[in-house]
Protein backbone atom coordinates (compact mmCIF):
# COMPACT_ATOMS: atom_id res chain seq x y z
CA MET A 1 38.60 72.77 -25.19
CA LYS A 2 38.08 76.52 -25.23
CA ILE A 3 35.43 78.25 -23.13
CA CYS A 4 34.07 81.79 -23.03
CA PRO A 5 34.53 83.38 -19.58
CA LYS A 6 31.36 85.43 -20.06
CA CYS A 7 28.87 83.19 -21.89
CA GLN A 8 30.30 79.92 -20.52
CA VAL A 9 29.92 78.27 -23.92
CA GLU A 10 32.40 75.66 -25.12
CA VAL A 11 33.97 76.23 -28.52
CA LEU A 12 35.40 73.30 -30.46
CA ASP A 13 36.94 74.94 -33.50
CA ASP A 14 40.13 77.00 -33.93
CA THR A 15 38.57 80.43 -33.35
CA CYS A 16 40.07 82.64 -30.64
CA VAL A 17 36.97 84.68 -29.78
CA CYS A 18 33.48 83.78 -28.63
CA PRO A 19 30.96 83.72 -31.52
CA LEU A 20 28.33 85.26 -29.21
CA CYS A 21 30.05 88.12 -27.36
CA LEU A 22 33.43 88.31 -29.19
CA ARG A 23 35.44 87.98 -25.97
CA VAL A 24 38.77 86.14 -26.00
CA LEU A 25 38.34 82.45 -25.23
CA GLN A 26 40.18 80.66 -22.46
CA GLY A 27 41.77 77.24 -22.69
CA LYS A 28 43.23 75.28 -25.56
CA GLY A 29 41.54 73.68 -28.50
CA GLY A 30 41.59 73.22 -32.21
CA GLY A 31 39.80 71.81 -35.19
CA THR A 32 38.01 72.91 -38.28
CA ARG A 33 36.22 76.26 -38.10
CA ILE A 34 32.48 75.60 -37.67
CA TYR A 35 31.31 79.13 -36.90
CA PRO A 36 31.06 81.78 -39.63
CA LYS A 37 33.62 84.55 -39.41
CA VAL A 38 31.93 87.91 -38.99
CA GLN A 39 33.48 90.52 -41.23
CA PHE A 40 33.60 94.15 -40.17
CA ASN A 41 33.57 96.62 -43.03
CA ALA A 42 36.02 99.23 -41.73
CA LYS A 43 35.92 101.33 -44.92
CA ARG A 44 32.15 101.67 -44.79
CA TYR A 45 32.32 102.52 -41.10
CA GLN A 46 34.86 105.28 -41.73
CA LEU A 47 32.81 106.63 -44.64
CA VAL A 48 29.64 106.83 -42.54
CA LYS A 49 31.60 108.43 -39.72
CA ARG A 50 33.08 111.09 -42.01
CA MET A 51 29.68 111.83 -43.55
CA LEU A 52 28.11 112.30 -40.11
CA CYS A 53 30.99 114.52 -38.98
CA PHE A 54 30.57 116.64 -42.10
CA MET A 55 26.81 116.95 -41.49
CA LEU A 56 27.48 117.90 -37.87
CA LEU A 57 29.98 120.56 -38.96
CA MET A 58 27.47 121.99 -41.43
CA ILE A 59 24.71 122.12 -38.78
CA VAL A 60 26.99 123.77 -36.21
CA THR A 61 28.13 126.32 -38.78
CA LEU A 62 24.55 127.10 -39.83
CA PHE A 63 23.32 127.63 -36.26
CA SER A 64 26.42 129.65 -35.40
CA VAL A 65 25.75 131.99 -38.34
CA ILE A 66 22.08 132.31 -37.34
CA ASN A 67 23.11 133.07 -33.76
CA TYR A 68 25.62 135.69 -34.97
CA LEU A 69 23.16 137.42 -37.29
CA ILE A 70 20.13 137.40 -34.99
CA TYR A 71 21.19 137.06 -31.36
CA ASN A 72 25.01 137.40 -31.27
CA SER A 73 24.91 135.72 -27.85
CA LEU A 74 27.75 133.84 -26.17
CA MET A 75 25.19 131.53 -24.57
CA GLY A 76 23.92 130.64 -28.02
CA TYR A 77 27.37 129.42 -29.00
CA ILE A 78 27.57 127.43 -25.77
CA ILE A 79 24.25 125.69 -26.48
CA VAL A 80 25.25 124.89 -30.05
CA SER A 81 28.65 123.55 -28.95
CA ALA A 82 27.16 121.41 -26.16
CA SER A 83 24.51 120.02 -28.50
CA ALA A 84 27.14 119.20 -31.12
CA ILE A 85 29.30 117.37 -28.58
CA TYR A 86 26.27 115.41 -27.34
CA PHE A 87 25.30 114.52 -30.91
CA ALA A 88 28.87 113.39 -31.68
CA ILE A 89 28.93 111.15 -28.59
CA THR A 90 25.51 109.76 -29.46
CA VAL A 91 26.45 108.88 -33.02
CA ASN A 92 29.93 107.58 -32.30
CA TYR A 93 29.19 105.52 -29.19
CA SER A 94 25.50 104.70 -29.25
CA VAL A 95 25.00 104.18 -32.99
CA LEU A 96 28.33 103.16 -34.52
CA HIS A 97 29.99 101.59 -31.48
CA ARG A 98 29.41 97.90 -30.85
CA ALA A 99 28.85 98.30 -27.13
CA ASN A 100 26.32 96.71 -24.81
CA LEU A 101 22.91 98.40 -24.87
CA ALA A 102 23.08 99.06 -21.13
CA ALA A 103 26.45 100.78 -21.60
CA LYS A 104 24.93 102.95 -24.32
CA ILE A 105 22.06 103.86 -22.00
CA LEU A 106 24.55 104.85 -19.28
CA VAL A 107 26.55 107.05 -21.67
CA GLN A 108 23.35 108.62 -22.99
CA THR A 109 22.19 109.32 -19.42
CA ILE A 110 25.37 111.16 -18.48
CA GLY A 111 25.50 113.06 -21.78
CA ALA A 112 21.83 114.08 -21.62
CA GLN A 113 22.18 115.34 -18.04
CA VAL A 114 25.19 117.48 -18.93
CA LEU A 115 23.48 118.85 -22.05
CA ILE A 116 20.25 119.72 -20.19
CA PHE A 117 22.19 121.49 -17.43
CA VAL A 118 24.23 123.49 -19.96
CA ILE A 119 21.04 124.61 -21.73
CA ASP A 120 19.39 125.57 -18.44
CA TYR A 121 22.47 127.53 -17.37
CA ALA A 122 22.81 129.22 -20.76
CA ILE A 123 19.24 130.56 -20.76
CA GLY A 124 19.46 131.95 -17.24
CA TYR A 125 19.29 128.88 -14.93
CA GLU A 126 15.81 128.47 -13.54
CA GLY A 127 16.61 125.12 -11.88
CA TRP A 128 14.38 122.91 -14.01
CA SER A 129 17.35 120.86 -15.19
CA ILE A 130 18.34 119.90 -11.64
CA ASN A 131 14.90 119.65 -10.04
CA TYR A 132 13.05 117.85 -12.83
CA ALA A 133 15.10 116.83 -15.87
CA LEU A 134 18.00 115.15 -14.04
CA PRO A 135 15.85 112.76 -11.93
CA CYS A 136 13.55 112.06 -14.89
CA ILE A 137 16.51 111.07 -17.06
CA CYS A 138 17.81 108.76 -14.30
CA LEU A 139 14.34 107.28 -13.88
CA ILE A 140 13.96 106.58 -17.61
CA ALA A 141 17.45 105.04 -17.76
CA ASN A 142 16.68 102.76 -14.82
CA LEU A 143 13.45 101.60 -16.41
CA ALA A 144 15.24 101.02 -19.72
CA ILE A 145 17.88 98.83 -18.04
CA MET A 146 15.13 96.94 -16.19
CA LEU A 147 13.38 96.34 -19.52
CA LEU A 148 16.62 94.97 -20.98
CA MET A 149 16.91 92.63 -18.00
CA ILE A 150 13.36 91.37 -18.50
CA ILE A 151 13.99 90.75 -22.20
CA ASN A 152 17.37 89.12 -21.57
CA HIS A 153 16.53 87.51 -18.23
CA MET A 154 18.83 84.54 -18.87
CA ASN A 155 21.83 86.90 -18.60
CA CYS A 156 20.56 89.50 -16.15
CA GLN A 157 23.87 89.32 -14.25
CA GLU A 158 25.44 91.30 -17.09
CA TYR A 159 23.54 94.42 -15.99
CA ILE A 160 24.64 94.48 -12.35
CA MET A 161 27.48 96.96 -12.85
CA TYR A 162 25.28 99.24 -14.91
CA GLN A 163 22.71 99.21 -12.12
CA LEU A 164 25.40 100.12 -9.61
CA SER A 165 26.53 102.94 -11.88
CA MET A 166 22.96 104.23 -12.09
CA ILE A 167 22.68 104.12 -8.29
CA ILE A 168 25.85 106.20 -8.01
CA LEU A 169 24.39 108.74 -10.44
CA SER A 170 21.13 108.74 -8.53
CA LEU A 171 22.83 109.14 -5.15
CA GLY A 172 24.49 112.25 -6.52
CA GLN A 173 21.03 113.77 -6.36
CA ILE A 174 20.92 113.13 -2.60
CA ILE A 175 24.12 115.14 -2.24
CA LEU A 176 22.51 117.96 -4.22
CA ILE A 177 19.47 117.79 -1.92
CA VAL A 178 21.68 118.02 1.17
CA LEU A 179 23.51 120.98 -0.36
CA LYS A 180 20.08 122.51 -1.15
CA VAL A 181 20.92 122.71 -4.86
CA ILE A 182 17.80 120.65 -5.54
CA GLU A 183 14.95 122.66 -4.06
CA ARG A 184 12.14 120.25 -5.01
CA PRO A 185 13.43 116.80 -4.09
CA THR A 186 10.35 114.63 -4.72
CA LEU A 187 11.38 113.33 -8.15
CA ALA A 188 14.99 112.90 -7.05
CA ILE A 189 13.96 110.76 -4.06
CA ILE A 190 11.70 108.64 -6.26
CA SER A 191 14.53 108.17 -8.76
CA VAL A 192 16.97 107.06 -6.06
CA ALA A 193 14.41 104.71 -4.49
CA ILE A 194 13.63 103.03 -7.81
CA SER A 195 17.35 102.58 -8.56
CA ILE A 196 17.87 100.81 -5.24
CA LEU A 197 14.70 98.73 -5.58
CA ILE A 198 15.68 97.50 -9.04
CA LEU A 199 19.10 96.41 -7.78
CA LEU A 200 17.63 94.70 -4.69
CA GLY A 201 15.04 92.97 -6.87
CA THR A 202 17.78 91.72 -9.19
CA ILE A 203 19.74 90.30 -6.26
CA LEU A 204 16.73 88.77 -4.48
CA PHE A 205 14.99 87.28 -7.51
CA GLY A 206 18.03 86.58 -9.67
CA ASP A 207 19.76 83.22 -9.75
CA LYS A 208 23.20 82.34 -8.45
CA ARG A 209 24.86 83.95 -11.44
CA VAL A 210 23.80 87.39 -10.19
CA LYS A 211 25.32 86.81 -6.75
CA ASN A 212 28.43 85.23 -8.25
CA GLU A 213 28.87 88.24 -10.52
CA LEU A 214 28.74 90.60 -7.52
CA ILE A 215 31.23 88.44 -5.63
CA ARG A 216 33.52 88.31 -8.66
CA ARG A 217 33.37 92.07 -9.20
CA PHE A 218 34.11 92.97 -5.58
CA HIS A 219 36.40 90.10 -4.67
CA THR A 220 39.47 91.71 -3.09
CA GLN A 221 41.66 88.67 -2.43
């Protein structure tokens, strides 16, 4: 009998992947296929991807021409380039990629922070990206992951590593506070505290699967 290492469901037919999460099954088994085979339309995916890339190229070209004719500023090109890269990551990973929602939130968080900092730096760096935008983005991402956990509470252990990743991102703000890069640390401290509280709440109020997931992830033997 085959079993999914993630969902822990037993599969009786001859499929090699879990019908729920598409992970490779463990064990041996066989029989008539009883689950429908999900078809992935690669041609349509490539067509949509090419269309979006073409649209992105047109938008970047248009804004570059406007910047050249009106401002002719190097910072303008930097903002356009950074925005285009962020848009490409958003479309490719968060829209077209079949990744976990929490993973998409994490990628969006990192991308948004970089983009906001680049814009702040390009227009003269007044510090609003570090003092306000960065902690607010972390705070929103933490709340979004917590909402996913509430909705999918039966599998909340799946979000442990994403929570740890968010804590690492949030703790980076503490380093910036110590280095006095962040001059107004209130929002940053709140963001870090909420990240830690969400993780502690998951561990304290979660079932054994949460603790087993942590043990499995950090098992060194």
